[in-house]
Amino acid sequence: MADRCDLANGVEVEKPEGITESQYASDLAEFGAFHALNIREHLNGFSGYDNIDFNVVSVE
């Protein structure tokens, strides 16, 4: 979840219990690809994917 499309305030990510590291990495890659293909082009400014602050929350 993010409160801004440019992700300037970070992204809160829920990590389900029992998910493998490979599955988790795939989920994050899919998120980045979706954002790049569907949202980024509509932004007037974006600081880049290397500037995103991910807050990971484990969910049981």
N, C-alpha and C. Protein backbone atom coordinates (compact mmCIF):
# COMPACT_ATOMS: atom_id res chain seq x y z
N MET A 1 0.85 -1.15 0.00
CA MET A 1 0.00 0.00 0.00
C MET A 1 0.91 1.23 0.00
N ALA A 2 0.50 2.22 -0.75
CA ALA A 2 1.20 3.50 -0.77
C ALA A 2 0.16 4.61 -0.83
N ASP A 3 0.45 5.73 -0.22
CA ASP A 3 -0.51 6.83 -0.23
C ASP A 3 -0.31 7.77 -1.41
N ARG A 4 0.76 7.56 -2.19
CA ARG A 4 1.04 8.39 -3.35
C ARG A 4 1.49 7.51 -4.51
N CYS A 5 1.11 7.87 -5.72
CA CYS A 5 1.50 7.10 -6.90
C CYS A 5 2.99 7.19 -7.19
N ASP A 6 3.65 8.27 -6.73
CA ASP A 6 5.09 8.38 -6.97
C ASP A 6 5.90 7.68 -5.87
N LEU A 7 5.22 7.08 -4.92
CA LEU A 7 5.80 6.26 -3.86
C LEU A 7 6.77 7.04 -2.96
N ALA A 8 6.64 8.37 -2.96
CA ALA A 8 7.56 9.23 -2.22
C ALA A 8 7.51 8.99 -0.71
N ASN A 9 6.37 8.56 -0.19
CA ASN A 9 6.25 8.30 1.25
C ASN A 9 6.46 6.84 1.60
N GLY A 10 6.94 6.07 0.66
CA GLY A 10 7.23 4.66 0.89
C GLY A 10 6.06 3.74 0.57
N VAL A 11 6.34 2.47 0.71
CA VAL A 11 5.36 1.42 0.41
C VAL A 11 5.33 0.45 1.59
N GLU A 12 4.14 0.17 2.09
CA GLU A 12 3.98 -0.84 3.13
C GLU A 12 3.63 -2.16 2.46
N VAL A 13 4.44 -3.17 2.73
CA VAL A 13 4.28 -4.47 2.09
C VAL A 13 3.95 -5.50 3.16
N GLU A 14 2.88 -6.26 2.93
CA GLU A 14 2.55 -7.35 3.84
C GLU A 14 3.20 -8.63 3.32
N LYS A 15 3.96 -9.29 4.18
CA LYS A 15 4.61 -10.56 3.82
C LYS A 15 3.90 -11.68 4.56
N PRO A 16 3.13 -12.50 3.83
CA PRO A 16 2.39 -13.58 4.47
C PRO A 16 3.31 -14.62 5.09
N GLU A 17 2.87 -15.20 6.18
CA GLU A 17 3.62 -16.28 6.81
C GLU A 17 3.67 -17.46 5.86
N GLY A 18 4.81 -18.11 5.77
CA GLY A 18 4.93 -19.31 4.95
C GLY A 18 5.34 -19.06 3.51
N ILE A 19 5.45 -17.82 3.09
CA ILE A 19 5.86 -17.54 1.73
C ILE A 19 7.38 -17.74 1.62
N THR A 20 7.83 -18.29 0.50
CA THR A 20 9.27 -18.50 0.33
C THR A 20 9.93 -17.18 -0.08
N GLU A 21 11.24 -17.11 0.10
CA GLU A 21 11.98 -15.92 -0.32
C GLU A 21 11.85 -15.71 -1.81
N SER A 22 11.84 -16.80 -2.59
CA SER A 22 11.69 -16.72 -4.03
C SER A 22 10.32 -16.15 -4.42
N GLN A 23 9.27 -16.61 -3.76
CA GLN A 23 7.93 -16.10 -4.03
C GLN A 23 7.82 -14.62 -3.66
N TYR A 24 8.44 -14.26 -2.54
CA TYR A 24 8.41 -12.87 -2.08
C TYR A 24 9.15 -11.97 -3.07
N ALA A 25 10.31 -12.41 -3.53
CA ALA A 25 11.07 -11.63 -4.51
C ALA A 25 10.28 -11.49 -5.81
N SER A 26 9.61 -12.55 -6.23
CA SER A 26 8.79 -12.49 -7.44
C SER A 26 7.66 -11.49 -7.30
N ASP A 27 7.03 -11.45 -6.13
CA ASP A 27 5.95 -10.50 -5.87
C ASP A 27 6.44 -9.06 -5.97
N LEU A 28 7.62 -8.79 -5.39
CA LEU A 28 8.17 -7.44 -5.43
C LEU A 28 8.56 -7.04 -6.86
N ALA A 29 9.11 -8.00 -7.61
CA ALA A 29 9.45 -7.73 -9.01
C ALA A 29 8.20 -7.43 -9.83
N GLU A 30 7.14 -8.17 -9.59
CA GLU A 30 5.88 -7.94 -10.32
C GLU A 30 5.31 -6.57 -9.98
N PHE A 31 5.40 -6.17 -8.71
CA PHE A 31 4.95 -4.84 -8.31
C PHE A 31 5.71 -3.77 -9.07
N GLY A 32 7.04 -3.89 -9.13
CA GLY A 32 7.85 -2.89 -9.82
C GLY A 32 7.54 -2.83 -11.30
N ALA A 33 7.36 -3.98 -11.92
CA ALA A 33 7.03 -4.02 -13.35
C ALA A 33 5.66 -3.40 -13.61
N PHE A 34 4.67 -3.72 -12.78
CA PHE A 34 3.33 -3.14 -12.95
C PHE A 34 3.39 -1.63 -12.84
N HIS A 35 4.08 -1.12 -11.82
CA HIS A 35 4.19 0.31 -11.62
C HIS A 35 4.89 0.97 -12.82
N ALA A 36 5.97 0.36 -13.29
CA ALA A 36 6.73 0.92 -14.41
C ALA A 36 5.90 0.97 -15.69
N LEU A 37 5.09 -0.05 -15.92
CA LEU A 37 4.33 -0.13 -17.17
C LEU A 37 3.00 0.61 -17.14
N ASN A 38 2.41 0.80 -15.95
CA ASN A 38 1.06 1.34 -15.88
C ASN A 38 0.94 2.68 -15.16
N ILE A 39 1.88 3.04 -14.34
CA ILE A 39 1.73 4.25 -13.52
C ILE A 39 2.81 5.28 -13.80
N ARG A 40 4.05 4.83 -13.87
CA ARG A 40 5.18 5.75 -13.98
C ARG A 40 5.03 6.76 -15.11
N GLU A 41 4.55 6.33 -16.27
CA GLU A 41 4.44 7.23 -17.41
C GLU A 41 3.47 8.39 -17.17
N HIS A 42 2.59 8.27 -16.20
CA HIS A 42 1.62 9.32 -15.90
C HIS A 42 2.08 10.29 -14.82
N LEU A 43 3.25 10.04 -14.26
CA LEU A 43 3.75 10.89 -13.18
C LEU A 43 4.52 12.08 -13.74
N ASN A 44 4.44 13.20 -13.04
CA ASN A 44 5.17 14.40 -13.43
C ASN A 44 6.56 14.43 -12.81
N GLY A 45 6.82 13.53 -11.91
CA GLY A 45 8.11 13.42 -11.27
C GLY A 45 8.20 12.11 -10.52
N PHE A 46 9.36 11.49 -10.59
CA PHE A 46 9.55 10.21 -9.91
C PHE A 46 11.03 10.10 -9.60
N SER A 47 11.37 9.85 -8.36
CA SER A 47 12.77 9.84 -7.94
C SER A 47 13.48 8.53 -8.26
N GLY A 48 12.78 7.52 -8.72
CA GLY A 48 13.40 6.26 -9.12
C GLY A 48 13.13 5.13 -8.15
N TYR A 49 13.22 3.93 -8.66
CA TYR A 49 12.91 2.75 -7.86
C TYR A 49 13.94 2.51 -6.76
N ASP A 50 15.14 3.03 -6.92
CA ASP A 50 16.15 2.85 -5.89
C ASP A 50 15.92 3.76 -4.68
N ASN A 51 14.94 4.65 -4.77
CA ASN A 51 14.64 5.57 -3.66
C ASN A 51 13.37 5.20 -2.89
N ILE A 52 12.79 4.06 -3.19
CA ILE A 52 11.57 3.65 -2.50
C ILE A 52 11.93 3.04 -1.15
N ASP A 53 11.22 3.48 -0.12
CA ASP A 53 11.39 2.93 1.23
C ASP A 53 10.30 1.88 1.44
N PHE A 54 10.70 0.60 1.49
CA PHE A 54 9.76 -0.48 1.72
C PHE A 54 9.69 -0.79 3.21
N ASN A 55 8.49 -0.78 3.76
CA ASN A 55 8.26 -1.17 5.15
C ASN A 55 7.56 -2.53 5.12
N VAL A 56 8.29 -3.57 5.50
CA VAL A 56 7.75 -4.94 5.42
C VAL A 56 7.10 -5.30 6.75
N VAL A 57 5.84 -5.76 6.66
CA VAL A 57 5.06 -6.16 7.83
C VAL A 57 4.72 -7.64 7.65
N SER A 58 5.12 -8.48 8.58
CA SER A 58 4.78 -9.90 8.52
C SER A 58 3.35 -10.10 8.97
N VAL A 59 2.63 -10.91 8.21
CA VAL A 59 1.22 -11.18 8.50
C VAL A 59 1.08 -12.68 8.81
N GLU A 60 0.47 -12.98 9.94
CA GLU A 60 0.25 -14.39 10.33
C GLU A 60 -1.09 -14.87 9.88
